[in-house]
Amino acid sequence: MVRVIVHLHGELKNRFPISNTLELDVESYTTLDELIGILHLTYDEVIVTLVNGKACGLEYNLVDGDRLDIFPPLAGG
């Protein structure tokens, strides 16, 4: 198991009313793509994912202590 910290931004914060910061234990070799599924988020809701402040592809394997930032698409006009 690895422990990761997930920060949800924008409208995604409303998905978890207790806190926009989640500490999760996931299986070793869990990918960022799999984590998005674990959080019950869709690809329409997620536009940018950062791991430890850097953009990563969905195939990235999470490691213990990773800090993730997940952003929704920008809205407005």
C-alpha atoms as a PDB file:
ATOM      1  CA  MET A   1       0.000   0.000   0.000  1.00  0.00           C
ATOM      2  CA  VAL A   2       1.036   3.578  -0.636  1.00  0.00           C
ATOM      3  CA  ARG A   3      -0.413   6.732   0.904  1.00  0.00           C
ATOM      4  CA  VAL A   4      -1.137   9.709  -1.353  1.00  0.00           C
ATOM      5  CA  ILE A   5      -2.569  13.148  -0.651  1.00  0.00           C
ATOM      6  CA  VAL A   6      -5.124  14.437  -3.148  1.00  0.00           C
ATOM      7  CA  HIS A   7      -6.090  18.110  -3.410  1.00  0.00           C
ATOM      8  CA  LEU A   8      -9.285  18.754  -5.377  1.00  0.00           C
ATOM      9  CA  HIS A   9      -9.760  22.186  -6.925  1.00  0.00           C
ATOM     10  CA  GLY A  10     -12.653  24.197  -8.346  1.00  0.00           C
ATOM     11  CA  GLU A  11     -15.998  22.440  -8.568  1.00  0.00           C
ATOM     12  CA  LEU A  12     -14.387  19.112  -7.681  1.00  0.00           C
ATOM     13  CA  LYS A  13     -14.127  20.298  -4.062  1.00  0.00           C
ATOM     14  CA  ASN A  14     -17.915  19.914  -3.812  1.00  0.00           C
ATOM     15  CA  ARG A  15     -17.691  16.167  -4.503  1.00  0.00           C
ATOM     16  CA  PHE A  16     -16.278  15.523  -1.031  1.00  0.00           C
ATOM     17  CA  PRO A  17     -18.028  17.926   1.354  1.00  0.00           C
ATOM     18  CA  ILE A  18     -15.886  17.139   4.395  1.00  0.00           C
ATOM     19  CA  SER A  19     -12.593  18.318   2.871  1.00  0.00           C
ATOM     20  CA  ASN A  20     -11.026  19.153  -0.467  1.00  0.00           C
ATOM     21  CA  THR A  21      -7.860  17.358   0.704  1.00  0.00           C
ATOM     22  CA  LEU A  22      -7.977  13.572   0.896  1.00  0.00           C
ATOM     23  CA  GLU A  23      -5.398  11.169   2.274  1.00  0.00           C
ATOM     24  CA  LEU A  24      -5.817   7.820   0.594  1.00  0.00           C
ATOM     25  CA  ASP A  25      -4.151   4.441   0.876  1.00  0.00           C
ATOM     26  CA  VAL A  26      -4.053   2.712  -2.494  1.00  0.00           C
ATOM     27  CA  GLU A  27      -2.452  -0.463  -3.765  1.00  0.00           C
ATOM     28  CA  SER A  28       1.134  -0.293  -4.953  1.00  0.00           C
ATOM     29  CA  TYR A  29       1.370   0.335  -8.710  1.00  0.00           C
ATOM     30  CA  THR A  30      -1.991   2.146  -8.797  1.00  0.00           C
ATOM     31  CA  THR A  31      -1.955   4.522 -11.749  1.00  0.00           C
ATOM     32  CA  LEU A  32      -3.247   8.063 -11.817  1.00  0.00           C
ATOM     33  CA  ASP A  33      -5.925   6.818 -14.210  1.00  0.00           C
ATOM     34  CA  GLU A  34      -7.059   4.204 -11.681  1.00  0.00           C
ATOM     35  CA  LEU A  35      -7.103   6.784  -8.885  1.00  0.00           C
ATOM     36  CA  ILE A  36      -9.464   8.983 -10.891  1.00  0.00           C
ATOM     37  CA  GLY A  37     -11.782   5.967 -11.114  1.00  0.00           C
ATOM     38  CA  ILE A  38     -11.446   5.256  -7.385  1.00  0.00           C
ATOM     39  CA  LEU A  39     -12.599   8.842  -6.733  1.00  0.00           C
ATOM     40  CA  HIS A  40     -15.569   8.292  -9.077  1.00  0.00           C
ATOM     41  CA  LEU A  41     -14.501  11.181 -11.292  1.00  0.00           C
ATOM     42  CA  THR A  42     -15.025  11.215 -15.051  1.00  0.00           C
ATOM     43  CA  TYR A  43     -12.666  12.477 -17.728  1.00  0.00           C
ATOM     44  CA  ASP A  44     -15.157  15.277 -18.462  1.00  0.00           C
ATOM     45  CA  GLU A  45     -14.606  16.525 -14.894  1.00  0.00           C
ATOM     46  CA  VAL A  46     -10.801  16.331 -14.838  1.00  0.00           C
ATOM     47  CA  ILE A  47      -8.636  18.462 -17.101  1.00  0.00           C
ATOM     48  CA  VAL A  48      -5.295  18.822 -15.295  1.00  0.00           C
ATOM     49  CA  THR A  49      -3.512  16.513 -12.900  1.00  0.00           C
ATOM     50  CA  LEU A  50      -0.289  17.404 -11.166  1.00  0.00           C
ATOM     51  CA  VAL A  51       1.837  15.022  -9.130  1.00  0.00           C
ATOM     52  CA  ASN A  52       4.273  16.743  -6.791  1.00  0.00           C
ATOM     53  CA  GLY A  53       3.738  19.960  -8.769  1.00  0.00           C
ATOM     54  CA  LYS A  54       4.487  18.458 -12.185  1.00  0.00           C
ATOM     55  CA  ALA A  55       2.144  17.409 -14.978  1.00  0.00           C
ATOM     56  CA  CYS A  56       1.933  13.629 -15.317  1.00  0.00           C
ATOM     57  CA  GLY A  57       0.238  11.303 -17.714  1.00  0.00           C
ATOM     58  CA  LEU A  58      -2.567   9.027 -16.613  1.00  0.00           C
ATOM     59  CA  GLU A  59      -0.232   6.014 -16.780  1.00  0.00           C
ATOM     60  CA  TYR A  60       1.906   7.389 -13.911  1.00  0.00           C
ATOM     61  CA  ASN A  61       2.316   4.859 -11.065  1.00  0.00           C
ATOM     62  CA  LEU A  62       1.654   6.468  -7.704  1.00  0.00           C
ATOM     63  CA  VAL A  63       4.314   6.169  -5.015  1.00  0.00           C
ATOM     64  CA  ASP A  64       4.165   6.676  -1.274  1.00  0.00           C
ATOM     65  CA  GLY A  65       3.947  10.345  -0.339  1.00  0.00           C
ATOM     66  CA  ASP A  66       2.808  11.661  -3.732  1.00  0.00           C
ATOM     67  CA  ARG A  67       0.842  14.915  -3.554  1.00  0.00           C
ATOM     68  CA  LEU A  68      -1.751  15.225  -6.305  1.00  0.00           C
ATOM     69  CA  ASP A  69      -3.656  18.273  -7.515  1.00  0.00           C
ATOM     70  CA  ILE A  70      -6.717  17.580  -9.654  1.00  0.00           C
ATOM     71  CA  PHE A  71      -8.374  20.452 -11.510  1.00  0.00           C
ATOM     72  CA  PRO A  72     -11.651  20.608 -13.452  1.00  0.00           C
ATOM     73  CA  PRO A  73     -11.950  22.384 -16.823  1.00  0.00           C
ATOM     74  CA  LEU A  74     -12.117  26.153 -16.541  1.00  0.00           C
ATOM     75  CA  ALA A  75     -15.538  27.692 -17.065  1.00  0.00           C
ATOM     76  CA  GLY A  76     -16.638  31.185 -17.739  1.00  0.00           C
ATOM     77  CA  GLY A  77     -16.689  33.643 -20.510  1.00  0.00           C
END
